[in-house]
PDBML (XML) file of the C-alpha atoms, coordinates in Angstrom:
<?xml version="1.0" encoding="UTF-8" ?>
<PDBx:datablock datablockName="MODEL"
   xmlns:PDBx="http://pdbml.pdb.org/schema/pdbx-v50.xsd"
   xmlns:xsi="http://www.w3.org/2001/XMLSchema-instance"
   xsi:schemaLocation="http://pdbml.pdb.org/schema/pdbx-v50.xsd pdbx-v50.xsd">
   <PDBx:atom_siteCategory>
      <PDBx:atom_site id="1">
         <PDBx:B_iso_or_equiv>0.00</PDBx:B_iso_or_equiv>
         <PDBx:Cartn_x>-0.048</PDBx:Cartn_x>
         <PDBx:Cartn_y>0.077</PDBx:Cartn_y>
         <PDBx:Cartn_z>0.004</PDBx:Cartn_z>
         <PDBx:auth_asym_id>A</PDBx:auth_asym_id>
         <PDBx:auth_atom_id>CA</PDBx:auth_atom_id>
         <PDBx:auth_comp_id>TRP</PDBx:auth_comp_id>
         <PDBx:auth_seq_id>1</PDBx:auth_seq_id>
         <PDBx:group_PDB>ATOM</PDBx:group_PDB>
         <PDBx:label_alt_id xsi:nil="true" />
         <PDBx:label_asym_id>A</PDBx:label_asym_id>
         <PDBx:label_atom_id>CA</PDBx:label_atom_id>
         <PDBx:label_comp_id>TRP</PDBx:label_comp_id>
         <PDBx:label_entity_id>1</PDBx:label_entity_id>
         <PDBx:label_seq_id>1</PDBx:label_seq_id>
         <PDBx:occupancy>1.00</PDBx:occupancy>
         <PDBx:pdbx_PDB_model_num>1</PDBx:pdbx_PDB_model_num>
         <PDBx:type_symbol>C</PDBx:type_symbol>
      </PDBx:atom_site>
      <PDBx:atom_site id="2">
         <PDBx:B_iso_or_equiv>0.00</PDBx:B_iso_or_equiv>
         <PDBx:Cartn_x>2.722</PDBx:Cartn_x>
         <PDBx:Cartn_y>2.342</PDBx:Cartn_y>
         <PDBx:Cartn_z>0.905</PDBx:Cartn_z>
         <PDBx:auth_asym_id>A</PDBx:auth_asym_id>
         <PDBx:auth_atom_id>CA</PDBx:auth_atom_id>
         <PDBx:auth_comp_id>LEU</PDBx:auth_comp_id>
         <PDBx:auth_seq_id>2</PDBx:auth_seq_id>
         <PDBx:group_PDB>ATOM</PDBx:group_PDB>
         <PDBx:label_alt_id xsi:nil="true" />
         <PDBx:label_asym_id>A</PDBx:label_asym_id>
         <PDBx:label_atom_id>CA</PDBx:label_atom_id>
         <PDBx:label_comp_id>LEU</PDBx:label_comp_id>
         <PDBx:label_entity_id>1</PDBx:label_entity_id>
         <PDBx:label_seq_id>2</PDBx:label_seq_id>
         <PDBx:occupancy>1.00</PDBx:occupancy>
         <PDBx:pdbx_PDB_model_num>1</PDBx:pdbx_PDB_model_num>
         <PDBx:type_symbol>C</PDBx:type_symbol>
      </PDBx:atom_site>
      <PDBx:atom_site id="3">
         <PDBx:B_iso_or_equiv>0.00</PDBx:B_iso_or_equiv>
         <PDBx:Cartn_x>4.553</PDBx:Cartn_x>
         <PDBx:Cartn_y>1.696</PDBx:Cartn_y>
         <PDBx:Cartn_z>-2.483</PDBx:Cartn_z>
         <PDBx:auth_asym_id>A</PDBx:auth_asym_id>
         <PDBx:auth_atom_id>CA</PDBx:auth_atom_id>
         <PDBx:auth_comp_id>MET</PDBx:auth_comp_id>
         <PDBx:auth_seq_id>3</PDBx:auth_seq_id>
         <PDBx:group_PDB>ATOM</PDBx:group_PDB>
         <PDBx:label_alt_id xsi:nil="true" />
         <PDBx:label_asym_id>A</PDBx:label_asym_id>
         <PDBx:label_atom_id>CA</PDBx:label_atom_id>
         <PDBx:label_comp_id>MET</PDBx:label_comp_id>
         <PDBx:label_entity_id>1</PDBx:label_entity_id>
         <PDBx:label_seq_id>3</PDBx:label_seq_id>
         <PDBx:occupancy>1.00</PDBx:occupancy>
         <PDBx:pdbx_PDB_model_num>1</PDBx:pdbx_PDB_model_num>
         <PDBx:type_symbol>C</PDBx:type_symbol>
      </PDBx:atom_site>
      <PDBx:atom_site id="4">
         <PDBx:B_iso_or_equiv>0.00</PDBx:B_iso_or_equiv>
         <PDBx:Cartn_x>1.299</PDBx:Cartn_x>
         <PDBx:Cartn_y>2.225</PDBx:Cartn_y>
         <PDBx:Cartn_z>-4.458</PDBx:Cartn_z>
         <PDBx:auth_asym_id>A</PDBx:auth_asym_id>
         <PDBx:auth_atom_id>CA</PDBx:auth_atom_id>
         <PDBx:auth_comp_id>VAL</PDBx:auth_comp_id>
         <PDBx:auth_seq_id>4</PDBx:auth_seq_id>
         <PDBx:group_PDB>ATOM</PDBx:group_PDB>
         <PDBx:label_alt_id xsi:nil="true" />
         <PDBx:label_asym_id>A</PDBx:label_asym_id>
         <PDBx:label_atom_id>CA</PDBx:label_atom_id>
         <PDBx:label_comp_id>VAL</PDBx:label_comp_id>
         <PDBx:label_entity_id>1</PDBx:label_entity_id>
         <PDBx:label_seq_id>4</PDBx:label_seq_id>
         <PDBx:occupancy>1.00</PDBx:occupancy>
         <PDBx:pdbx_PDB_model_num>1</PDBx:pdbx_PDB_model_num>
         <PDBx:type_symbol>C</PDBx:type_symbol>
      </PDBx:atom_site>
      <PDBx:atom_site id="5">
         <PDBx:B_iso_or_equiv>0.00</PDBx:B_iso_or_equiv>
         <PDBx:Cartn_x>0.444</PDBx:Cartn_x>
         <PDBx:Cartn_y>5.566</PDBx:Cartn_y>
         <PDBx:Cartn_z>-2.396</PDBx:Cartn_z>
         <PDBx:auth_asym_id>A</PDBx:auth_asym_id>
         <PDBx:auth_atom_id>CA</PDBx:auth_atom_id>
         <PDBx:auth_comp_id>ALA</PDBx:auth_comp_id>
         <PDBx:auth_seq_id>5</PDBx:auth_seq_id>
         <PDBx:group_PDB>ATOM</PDBx:group_PDB>
         <PDBx:label_alt_id xsi:nil="true" />
         <PDBx:label_asym_id>A</PDBx:label_asym_id>
         <PDBx:label_atom_id>CA</PDBx:label_atom_id>
         <PDBx:label_comp_id>ALA</PDBx:label_comp_id>
         <PDBx:label_entity_id>1</PDBx:label_entity_id>
         <PDBx:label_seq_id>5</PDBx:label_seq_id>
         <PDBx:occupancy>1.00</PDBx:occupancy>
         <PDBx:pdbx_PDB_model_num>1</PDBx:pdbx_PDB_model_num>
         <PDBx:type_symbol>C</PDBx:type_symbol>
      </PDBx:atom_site>
      <PDBx:atom_site id="6">
         <PDBx:B_iso_or_equiv>0.00</PDBx:B_iso_or_equiv>
         <PDBx:Cartn_x>3.743</PDBx:Cartn_x>
         <PDBx:Cartn_y>6.944</PDBx:Cartn_y>
         <PDBx:Cartn_z>-3.316</PDBx:Cartn_z>
         <PDBx:auth_asym_id>A</PDBx:auth_asym_id>
         <PDBx:auth_atom_id>CA</PDBx:auth_atom_id>
         <PDBx:auth_comp_id>SER</PDBx:auth_comp_id>
         <PDBx:auth_seq_id>6</PDBx:auth_seq_id>
         <PDBx:group_PDB>ATOM</PDBx:group_PDB>
         <PDBx:label_alt_id xsi:nil="true" />
         <PDBx:label_asym_id>A</PDBx:label_asym_id>
         <PDBx:label_atom_id>CA</PDBx:label_atom_id>
         <PDBx:label_comp_id>SER</PDBx:label_comp_id>
         <PDBx:label_entity_id>1</PDBx:label_entity_id>
         <PDBx:label_seq_id>6</PDBx:label_seq_id>
         <PDBx:occupancy>1.00</PDBx:occupancy>
         <PDBx:pdbx_PDB_model_num>1</PDBx:pdbx_PDB_model_num>
         <PDBx:type_symbol>C</PDBx:type_symbol>
      </PDBx:atom_site>
      <PDBx:atom_site id="7">
         <PDBx:B_iso_or_equiv>0.00</PDBx:B_iso_or_equiv>
         <PDBx:Cartn_x>4.138</PDBx:Cartn_x>
         <PDBx:Cartn_y>5.880</PDBx:Cartn_y>
         <PDBx:Cartn_z>-6.817</PDBx:Cartn_z>
         <PDBx:auth_asym_id>A</PDBx:auth_asym_id>
         <PDBx:auth_atom_id>CA</PDBx:auth_atom_id>
         <PDBx:auth_comp_id>ALA</PDBx:auth_comp_id>
         <PDBx:auth_seq_id>7</PDBx:auth_seq_id>
         <PDBx:group_PDB>ATOM</PDBx:group_PDB>
         <PDBx:label_alt_id xsi:nil="true" />
         <PDBx:label_asym_id>A</PDBx:label_asym_id>
         <PDBx:label_atom_id>CA</PDBx:label_atom_id>
         <PDBx:label_comp_id>ALA</PDBx:label_comp_id>
         <PDBx:label_entity_id>1</PDBx:label_entity_id>
         <PDBx:label_seq_id>7</PDBx:label_seq_id>
         <PDBx:occupancy>1.00</PDBx:occupancy>
         <PDBx:pdbx_PDB_model_num>1</PDBx:pdbx_PDB_model_num>
         <PDBx:type_symbol>C</PDBx:type_symbol>
      </PDBx:atom_site>
      <PDBx:atom_site id="8">
         <PDBx:B_iso_or_equiv>0.00</PDBx:B_iso_or_equiv>
         <PDBx:Cartn_x>0.629</PDBx:Cartn_x>
         <PDBx:Cartn_y>6.796</PDBx:Cartn_y>
         <PDBx:Cartn_z>-7.973</PDBx:Cartn_z>
         <PDBx:auth_asym_id>A</PDBx:auth_asym_id>
         <PDBx:auth_atom_id>CA</PDBx:auth_atom_id>
         <PDBx:auth_comp_id>SER</PDBx:auth_comp_id>
         <PDBx:auth_seq_id>8</PDBx:auth_seq_id>
         <PDBx:group_PDB>ATOM</PDBx:group_PDB>
         <PDBx:label_alt_id xsi:nil="true" />
         <PDBx:label_asym_id>A</PDBx:label_asym_id>
         <PDBx:label_atom_id>CA</PDBx:label_atom_id>
         <PDBx:label_comp_id>SER</PDBx:label_comp_id>
         <PDBx:label_entity_id>1</PDBx:label_entity_id>
         <PDBx:label_seq_id>8</PDBx:label_seq_id>
         <PDBx:occupancy>1.00</PDBx:occupancy>
         <PDBx:pdbx_PDB_model_num>1</PDBx:pdbx_PDB_model_num>
         <PDBx:type_symbol>C</PDBx:type_symbol>
      </PDBx:atom_site>
      <PDBx:atom_site id="9">
         <PDBx:B_iso_or_equiv>0.00</PDBx:B_iso_or_equiv>
         <PDBx:Cartn_x>0.323</PDBx:Cartn_x>
         <PDBx:Cartn_y>10.363</PDBx:Cartn_y>
         <PDBx:Cartn_z>-6.906</PDBx:Cartn_z>
         <PDBx:auth_asym_id>A</PDBx:auth_asym_id>
         <PDBx:auth_atom_id>CA</PDBx:auth_atom_id>
         <PDBx:auth_comp_id>THR</PDBx:auth_comp_id>
         <PDBx:auth_seq_id>9</PDBx:auth_seq_id>
         <PDBx:group_PDB>ATOM</PDBx:group_PDB>
         <PDBx:label_alt_id xsi:nil="true" />
         <PDBx:label_asym_id>A</PDBx:label_asym_id>
         <PDBx:label_atom_id>CA</PDBx:label_atom_id>
         <PDBx:label_comp_id>THR</PDBx:label_comp_id>
         <PDBx:label_entity_id>1</PDBx:label_entity_id>
         <PDBx:label_seq_id>9</PDBx:label_seq_id>
         <PDBx:occupancy>1.00</PDBx:occupancy>
         <PDBx:pdbx_PDB_model_num>1</PDBx:pdbx_PDB_model_num>
         <PDBx:type_symbol>C</PDBx:type_symbol>
      </PDBx:atom_site>
      <PDBx:atom_site id="10">
         <PDBx:B_iso_or_equiv>0.00</PDBx:B_iso_or_equiv>
         <PDBx:Cartn_x>1.244</PDBx:Cartn_x>
         <PDBx:Cartn_y>12.050</PDBx:Cartn_y>
         <PDBx:Cartn_z>-10.175</PDBx:Cartn_z>
         <PDBx:auth_asym_id>A</PDBx:auth_asym_id>
         <PDBx:auth_atom_id>CA</PDBx:auth_atom_id>
         <PDBx:auth_comp_id>GLY</PDBx:auth_comp_id>
         <PDBx:auth_seq_id>10</PDBx:auth_seq_id>
         <PDBx:group_PDB>ATOM</PDBx:group_PDB>
         <PDBx:label_alt_id xsi:nil="true" />
         <PDBx:label_asym_id>A</PDBx:label_asym_id>
         <PDBx:label_atom_id>CA</PDBx:label_atom_id>
         <PDBx:label_comp_id>GLY</PDBx:label_comp_id>
         <PDBx:label_entity_id>1</PDBx:label_entity_id>
         <PDBx:label_seq_id>10</PDBx:label_seq_id>
         <PDBx:occupancy>1.00</PDBx:occupancy>
         <PDBx:pdbx_PDB_model_num>1</PDBx:pdbx_PDB_model_num>
         <PDBx:type_symbol>C</PDBx:type_symbol>
      </PDBx:atom_site>
      <PDBx:atom_site id="11">
         <PDBx:B_iso_or_equiv>0.00</PDBx:B_iso_or_equiv>
         <PDBx:Cartn_x>-1.000</PDBx:Cartn_x>
         <PDBx:Cartn_y>9.804</PDBx:Cartn_y>
         <PDBx:Cartn_z>-12.338</PDBx:Cartn_z>
         <PDBx:auth_asym_id>A</PDBx:auth_asym_id>
         <PDBx:auth_atom_id>CA</PDBx:auth_atom_id>
         <PDBx:auth_comp_id>ILE</PDBx:auth_comp_id>
         <PDBx:auth_seq_id>11</PDBx:auth_seq_id>
         <PDBx:group_PDB>ATOM</PDBx:group_PDB>
         <PDBx:label_alt_id xsi:nil="true" />
         <PDBx:label_asym_id>A</PDBx:label_asym_id>
         <PDBx:label_atom_id>CA</PDBx:label_atom_id>
         <PDBx:label_comp_id>ILE</PDBx:label_comp_id>
         <PDBx:label_entity_id>1</PDBx:label_entity_id>
         <PDBx:label_seq_id>11</PDBx:label_seq_id>
         <PDBx:occupancy>1.00</PDBx:occupancy>
         <PDBx:pdbx_PDB_model_num>1</PDBx:pdbx_PDB_model_num>
         <PDBx:type_symbol>C</PDBx:type_symbol>
      </PDBx:atom_site>
      <PDBx:atom_site id="12">
         <PDBx:B_iso_or_equiv>0.00</PDBx:B_iso_or_equiv>
         <PDBx:Cartn_x>-3.857</PDBx:Cartn_x>
         <PDBx:Cartn_y>9.985</PDBx:Cartn_y>
         <PDBx:Cartn_z>-9.845</PDBx:Cartn_z>
         <PDBx:auth_asym_id>A</PDBx:auth_asym_id>
         <PDBx:auth_atom_id>CA</PDBx:auth_atom_id>
         <PDBx:auth_comp_id>ALA</PDBx:auth_comp_id>
         <PDBx:auth_seq_id>12</PDBx:auth_seq_id>
         <PDBx:group_PDB>ATOM</PDBx:group_PDB>
         <PDBx:label_alt_id xsi:nil="true" />
         <PDBx:label_asym_id>A</PDBx:label_asym_id>
         <PDBx:label_atom_id>CA</PDBx:label_atom_id>
         <PDBx:label_comp_id>ALA</PDBx:label_comp_id>
         <PDBx:label_entity_id>1</PDBx:label_entity_id>
         <PDBx:label_seq_id>12</PDBx:label_seq_id>
         <PDBx:occupancy>1.00</PDBx:occupancy>
         <PDBx:pdbx_PDB_model_num>1</PDBx:pdbx_PDB_model_num>
         <PDBx:type_symbol>C</PDBx:type_symbol>
      </PDBx:atom_site>
      <PDBx:atom_site id="13">
         <PDBx:B_iso_or_equiv>0.00</PDBx:B_iso_or_equiv>
         <PDBx:Cartn_x>-3.795</PDBx:Cartn_x>
         <PDBx:Cartn_y>13.734</PDBx:Cartn_y>
         <PDBx:Cartn_z>-9.692</PDBx:Cartn_z>
         <PDBx:auth_asym_id>A</PDBx:auth_asym_id>
         <PDBx:auth_atom_id>CA</PDBx:auth_atom_id>
         <PDBx:auth_comp_id>GLU</PDBx:auth_comp_id>
         <PDBx:auth_seq_id>13</PDBx:auth_seq_id>
         <PDBx:group_PDB>ATOM</PDBx:group_PDB>
         <PDBx:label_alt_id xsi:nil="true" />
         <PDBx:label_asym_id>A</PDBx:label_asym_id>
         <PDBx:label_atom_id>CA</PDBx:label_atom_id>
         <PDBx:label_comp_id>GLU</PDBx:label_comp_id>
         <PDBx:label_entity_id>1</PDBx:label_entity_id>
         <PDBx:label_seq_id>13</PDBx:label_seq_id>
         <PDBx:occupancy>1.00</PDBx:occupancy>
         <PDBx:pdbx_PDB_model_num>1</PDBx:pdbx_PDB_model_num>
         <PDBx:type_symbol>C</PDBx:type_symbol>
      </PDBx:atom_site>
      <PDBx:atom_site id="14">
         <PDBx:B_iso_or_equiv>0.00</PDBx:B_iso_or_equiv>
         <PDBx:Cartn_x>-3.476</PDBx:Cartn_x>
         <PDBx:Cartn_y>14.038</PDBx:Cartn_y>
         <PDBx:Cartn_z>-13.610</PDBx:Cartn_z>
         <PDBx:auth_asym_id>A</PDBx:auth_asym_id>
         <PDBx:auth_atom_id>CA</PDBx:auth_atom_id>
         <PDBx:auth_comp_id>PHE</PDBx:auth_comp_id>
         <PDBx:auth_seq_id>14</PDBx:auth_seq_id>
         <PDBx:group_PDB>ATOM</PDBx:group_PDB>
         <PDBx:label_alt_id xsi:nil="true" />
         <PDBx:label_asym_id>A</PDBx:label_asym_id>
         <PDBx:label_atom_id>CA</PDBx:label_atom_id>
         <PDBx:label_comp_id>PHE</PDBx:label_comp_id>
         <PDBx:label_entity_id>1</PDBx:label_entity_id>
         <PDBx:label_seq_id>14</PDBx:label_seq_id>
         <PDBx:occupancy>1.00</PDBx:occupancy>
         <PDBx:pdbx_PDB_model_num>1</PDBx:pdbx_PDB_model_num>
         <PDBx:type_symbol>C</PDBx:type_symbol>
      </PDBx:atom_site>
      <PDBx:atom_site id="15">
         <PDBx:B_iso_or_equiv>0.00</PDBx:B_iso_or_equiv>
         <PDBx:Cartn_x>-6.632</PDBx:Cartn_x>
         <PDBx:Cartn_y>11.921</PDBx:Cartn_y>
         <PDBx:Cartn_z>-14.256</PDBx:Cartn_z>
         <PDBx:auth_asym_id>A</PDBx:auth_asym_id>
         <PDBx:auth_atom_id>CA</PDBx:auth_atom_id>
         <PDBx:auth_comp_id>TYR</PDBx:auth_comp_id>
         <PDBx:auth_seq_id>15</PDBx:auth_seq_id>
         <PDBx:group_PDB>ATOM</PDBx:group_PDB>
         <PDBx:label_alt_id xsi:nil="true" />
         <PDBx:label_asym_id>A</PDBx:label_asym_id>
         <PDBx:label_atom_id>CA</PDBx:label_atom_id>
         <PDBx:label_comp_id>TYR</PDBx:label_comp_id>
         <PDBx:label_entity_id>1</PDBx:label_entity_id>
         <PDBx:label_seq_id>15</PDBx:label_seq_id>
         <PDBx:occupancy>1.00</PDBx:occupancy>
         <PDBx:pdbx_PDB_model_num>1</PDBx:pdbx_PDB_model_num>
         <PDBx:type_symbol>C</PDBx:type_symbol>
      </PDBx:atom_site>
      <PDBx:atom_site id="16">
         <PDBx:B_iso_or_equiv>0.00</PDBx:B_iso_or_equiv>
         <PDBx:Cartn_x>-8.774</PDBx:Cartn_x>
         <PDBx:Cartn_y>12.523</PDBx:Cartn_y>
         <PDBx:Cartn_z>-11.058</PDBx:Cartn_z>
         <PDBx:auth_asym_id>A</PDBx:auth_asym_id>
         <PDBx:auth_atom_id>CA</PDBx:auth_atom_id>
         <PDBx:auth_comp_id>THR</PDBx:auth_comp_id>
         <PDBx:auth_seq_id>16</PDBx:auth_seq_id>
         <PDBx:group_PDB>ATOM</PDBx:group_PDB>
         <PDBx:label_alt_id xsi:nil="true" />
         <PDBx:label_asym_id>A</PDBx:label_asym_id>
         <PDBx:label_atom_id>CA</PDBx:label_atom_id>
         <PDBx:label_comp_id>THR</PDBx:label_comp_id>
         <PDBx:label_entity_id>1</PDBx:label_entity_id>
         <PDBx:label_seq_id>16</PDBx:label_seq_id>
         <PDBx:occupancy>1.00</PDBx:occupancy>
         <PDBx:pdbx_PDB_model_num>1</PDBx:pdbx_PDB_model_num>
         <PDBx:type_symbol>C</PDBx:type_symbol>
      </PDBx:atom_site>
      <PDBx:atom_site id="17">
         <PDBx:B_iso_or_equiv>0.00</PDBx:B_iso_or_equiv>
         <PDBx:Cartn_x>-7.502</PDBx:Cartn_x>
         <PDBx:Cartn_y>15.713</PDBx:Cartn_y>
         <PDBx:Cartn_z>-9.532</PDBx:Cartn_z>
         <PDBx:auth_asym_id>A</PDBx:auth_asym_id>
         <PDBx:auth_atom_id>CA</PDBx:auth_atom_id>
         <PDBx:auth_comp_id>GLY</PDBx:auth_comp_id>
         <PDBx:auth_seq_id>17</PDBx:auth_seq_id>
         <PDBx:group_PDB>ATOM</PDBx:group_PDB>
         <PDBx:label_alt_id xsi:nil="true" />
         <PDBx:label_asym_id>A</PDBx:label_asym_id>
         <PDBx:label_atom_id>CA</PDBx:label_atom_id>
         <PDBx:label_comp_id>GLY</PDBx:label_comp_id>
         <PDBx:label_entity_id>1</PDBx:label_entity_id>
         <PDBx:label_seq_id>17</PDBx:label_seq_id>
         <PDBx:occupancy>1.00</PDBx:occupancy>
         <PDBx:pdbx_PDB_model_num>1</PDBx:pdbx_PDB_model_num>
         <PDBx:type_symbol>C</PDBx:type_symbol>
      </PDBx:atom_site>
      <PDBx:atom_site id="18">
         <PDBx:B_iso_or_equiv>0.00</PDBx:B_iso_or_equiv>
         <PDBx:Cartn_x>-6.904</PDBx:Cartn_x>
         <PDBx:Cartn_y>13.782</PDBx:Cartn_y>
         <PDBx:Cartn_z>-6.247</PDBx:Cartn_z>
         <PDBx:auth_asym_id>A</PDBx:auth_asym_id>
         <PDBx:auth_atom_id>CA</PDBx:auth_atom_id>
         <PDBx:auth_comp_id>ASN</PDBx:auth_comp_id>
         <PDBx:auth_seq_id>18</PDBx:auth_seq_id>
         <PDBx:group_PDB>ATOM</PDBx:group_PDB>
         <PDBx:label_alt_id xsi:nil="true" />
         <PDBx:label_asym_id>A</PDBx:label_asym_id>
         <PDBx:label_atom_id>CA</PDBx:label_atom_id>
         <PDBx:label_comp_id>ASN</PDBx:label_comp_id>
         <PDBx:label_entity_id>1</PDBx:label_entity_id>
         <PDBx:label_seq_id>18</PDBx:label_seq_id>
         <PDBx:occupancy>1.00</PDBx:occupancy>
         <PDBx:pdbx_PDB_model_num>1</PDBx:pdbx_PDB_model_num>
         <PDBx:type_symbol>C</PDBx:type_symbol>
      </PDBx:atom_site>
      <PDBx:atom_site id="19">
         <PDBx:B_iso_or_equiv>0.00</PDBx:B_iso_or_equiv>
         <PDBx:Cartn_x>-3.328</PDBx:Cartn_x>
         <PDBx:Cartn_y>12.501</PDBx:Cartn_y>
         <PDBx:Cartn_z>-5.635</PDBx:Cartn_z>
         <PDBx:auth_asym_id>A</PDBx:auth_asym_id>
         <PDBx:auth_atom_id>CA</PDBx:auth_atom_id>
         <PDBx:auth_comp_id>PRO</PDBx:auth_comp_id>
         <PDBx:auth_seq_id>19</PDBx:auth_seq_id>
         <PDBx:group_PDB>ATOM</PDBx:group_PDB>
         <PDBx:label_alt_id xsi:nil="true" />
         <PDBx:label_asym_id>A</PDBx:label_asym_id>
         <PDBx:label_atom_id>CA</PDBx:label_atom_id>
         <PDBx:label_comp_id>PRO</PDBx:label_comp_id>
         <PDBx:label_entity_id>1</PDBx:label_entity_id>
         <PDBx:label_seq_id>19</PDBx:label_seq_id>
         <PDBx:occupancy>1.00</PDBx:occupancy>
         <PDBx:pdbx_PDB_model_num>1</PDBx:pdbx_PDB_model_num>
         <PDBx:type_symbol>C</PDBx:type_symbol>
      </PDBx:atom_site>
      <PDBx:atom_site id="20">
         <PDBx:B_iso_or_equiv>0.00</PDBx:B_iso_or_equiv>
         <PDBx:Cartn_x>-4.518</PDBx:Cartn_x>
         <PDBx:Cartn_y>9.887</PDBx:Cartn_y>
         <PDBx:Cartn_z>-3.114</PDBx:Cartn_z>
         <PDBx:auth_asym_id>A</PDBx:auth_asym_id>
         <PDBx:auth_atom_id>CA</PDBx:auth_atom_id>
         <PDBx:auth_comp_id>ALA</PDBx:auth_comp_id>
         <PDBx:auth_seq_id>20</PDBx:auth_seq_id>
         <PDBx:group_PDB>ATOM</PDBx:group_PDB>
         <PDBx:label_alt_id xsi:nil="true" />
         <PDBx:label_asym_id>A</PDBx:label_asym_id>
         <PDBx:label_atom_id>CA</PDBx:label_atom_id>
         <PDBx:label_comp_id>ALA</PDBx:label_comp_id>
         <PDBx:label_entity_id>1</PDBx:label_entity_id>
         <PDBx:label_seq_id>20</PDBx:label_seq_id>
         <PDBx:occupancy>1.00</PDBx:occupancy>
         <PDBx:pdbx_PDB_model_num>1</PDBx:pdbx_PDB_model_num>
         <PDBx:type_symbol>C</PDBx:type_symbol>
      </PDBx:atom_site>
      <PDBx:atom_site id="21">
         <PDBx:B_iso_or_equiv>0.00</PDBx:B_iso_or_equiv>
         <PDBx:Cartn_x>-7.238</PDBx:Cartn_x>
         <PDBx:Cartn_y>8.365</PDBx:Cartn_y>
         <PDBx:Cartn_z>-5.582</PDBx:Cartn_z>
         <PDBx:auth_asym_id>A</PDBx:auth_asym_id>
         <PDBx:auth_atom_id>CA</PDBx:auth_atom_id>
         <PDBx:auth_comp_id>HIS</PDBx:auth_comp_id>
         <PDBx:auth_seq_id>21</PDBx:auth_seq_id>
         <PDBx:group_PDB>ATOM</PDBx:group_PDB>
         <PDBx:label_alt_id xsi:nil="true" />
         <PDBx:label_asym_id>A</PDBx:label_asym_id>
         <PDBx:label_atom_id>CA</PDBx:label_atom_id>
         <PDBx:label_comp_id>HIS</PDBx:label_comp_id>
         <PDBx:label_entity_id>1</PDBx:label_entity_id>
         <PDBx:label_seq_id>21</PDBx:label_seq_id>
         <PDBx:occupancy>1.00</PDBx:occupancy>
         <PDBx:pdbx_PDB_model_num>1</PDBx:pdbx_PDB_model_num>
         <PDBx:type_symbol>C</PDBx:type_symbol>
      </PDBx:atom_site>
      <PDBx:atom_site id="22">
         <PDBx:B_iso_or_equiv>0.00</PDBx:B_iso_or_equiv>
         <PDBx:Cartn_x>-5.253</PDBx:Cartn_x>
         <PDBx:Cartn_y>5.141</PDBx:Cartn_y>
         <PDBx:Cartn_z>-6.228</PDBx:Cartn_z>
         <PDBx:auth_asym_id>A</PDBx:auth_asym_id>
         <PDBx:auth_atom_id>CA</PDBx:auth_atom_id>
         <PDBx:auth_comp_id>PHE</PDBx:auth_comp_id>
         <PDBx:auth_seq_id>22</PDBx:auth_seq_id>
         <PDBx:group_PDB>ATOM</PDBx:group_PDB>
         <PDBx:label_alt_id xsi:nil="true" />
         <PDBx:label_asym_id>A</PDBx:label_asym_id>
         <PDBx:label_atom_id>CA</PDBx:label_atom_id>
         <PDBx:label_comp_id>PHE</PDBx:label_comp_id>
         <PDBx:label_entity_id>1</PDBx:label_entity_id>
         <PDBx:label_seq_id>22</PDBx:label_seq_id>
         <PDBx:occupancy>1.00</PDBx:occupancy>
         <PDBx:pdbx_PDB_model_num>1</PDBx:pdbx_PDB_model_num>
         <PDBx:type_symbol>C</PDBx:type_symbol>
      </PDBx:atom_site>
      <PDBx:atom_site id="23">
         <PDBx:B_iso_or_equiv>0.00</PDBx:B_iso_or_equiv>
         <PDBx:Cartn_x>-4.009</PDBx:Cartn_x>
         <PDBx:Cartn_y>4.895</PDBx:Cartn_y>
         <PDBx:Cartn_z>-2.610</PDBx:Cartn_z>
         <PDBx:auth_asym_id>A</PDBx:auth_asym_id>
         <PDBx:auth_atom_id>CA</PDBx:auth_atom_id>
         <PDBx:auth_comp_id>ALA</PDBx:auth_comp_id>
         <PDBx:auth_seq_id>23</PDBx:auth_seq_id>
         <PDBx:group_PDB>ATOM</PDBx:group_PDB>
         <PDBx:label_alt_id xsi:nil="true" />
         <PDBx:label_asym_id>A</PDBx:label_asym_id>
         <PDBx:label_atom_id>CA</PDBx:label_atom_id>
         <PDBx:label_comp_id>ALA</PDBx:label_comp_id>
         <PDBx:label_entity_id>1</PDBx:label_entity_id>
         <PDBx:label_seq_id>23</PDBx:label_seq_id>
         <PDBx:occupancy>1.00</PDBx:occupancy>
         <PDBx:pdbx_PDB_model_num>1</PDBx:pdbx_PDB_model_num>
         <PDBx:type_symbol>C</PDBx:type_symbol>
      </PDBx:atom_site>
      <PDBx:atom_site id="24">
         <PDBx:B_iso_or_equiv>0.00</PDBx:B_iso_or_equiv>
         <PDBx:Cartn_x>-7.624</PDBx:Cartn_x>
         <PDBx:Cartn_y>5.076</PDBx:Cartn_y>
         <PDBx:Cartn_z>-1.413</PDBx:Cartn_z>
         <PDBx:auth_asym_id>A</PDBx:auth_asym_id>
         <PDBx:auth_atom_id>CA</PDBx:auth_atom_id>
         <PDBx:auth_comp_id>ILE</PDBx:auth_comp_id>
         <PDBx:auth_seq_id>24</PDBx:auth_seq_id>
         <PDBx:group_PDB>ATOM</PDBx:group_PDB>
         <PDBx:label_alt_id xsi:nil="true" />
         <PDBx:label_asym_id>A</PDBx:label_asym_id>
         <PDBx:label_atom_id>CA</PDBx:label_atom_id>
         <PDBx:label_comp_id>ILE</PDBx:label_comp_id>
         <PDBx:label_entity_id>1</PDBx:label_entity_id>
         <PDBx:label_seq_id>24</PDBx:label_seq_id>
         <PDBx:occupancy>1.00</PDBx:occupancy>
         <PDBx:pdbx_PDB_model_num>1</PDBx:pdbx_PDB_model_num>
         <PDBx:type_symbol>C</PDBx:type_symbol>
      </PDBx:atom_site>
      <PDBx:atom_site id="25">
         <PDBx:B_iso_or_equiv>0.00</PDBx:B_iso_or_equiv>
         <PDBx:Cartn_x>-8.703</PDBx:Cartn_x>
         <PDBx:Cartn_y>2.394</PDBx:Cartn_y>
         <PDBx:Cartn_z>-3.827</PDBx:Cartn_z>
         <PDBx:auth_asym_id>A</PDBx:auth_asym_id>
         <PDBx:auth_atom_id>CA</PDBx:auth_atom_id>
         <PDBx:auth_comp_id>ARG</PDBx:auth_comp_id>
         <PDBx:auth_seq_id>25</PDBx:auth_seq_id>
         <PDBx:group_PDB>ATOM</PDBx:group_PDB>
         <PDBx:label_alt_id xsi:nil="true" />
         <PDBx:label_asym_id>A</PDBx:label_asym_id>
         <PDBx:label_atom_id>CA</PDBx:label_atom_id>
         <PDBx:label_comp_id>ARG</PDBx:label_comp_id>
         <PDBx:label_entity_id>1</PDBx:label_entity_id>
         <PDBx:label_seq_id>25</PDBx:label_seq_id>
         <PDBx:occupancy>1.00</PDBx:occupancy>
         <PDBx:pdbx_PDB_model_num>1</PDBx:pdbx_PDB_model_num>
         <PDBx:type_symbol>C</PDBx:type_symbol>
      </PDBx:atom_site>
   </PDBx:atom_siteCategory>
</PDBx:datablock>
């Protein structure tokens, strides 16, 4: 979870506007 939360911030913010989107999912 920590890996995904860190690695997904850029793409999550670009597509959803929320850097934590993929971390929450």
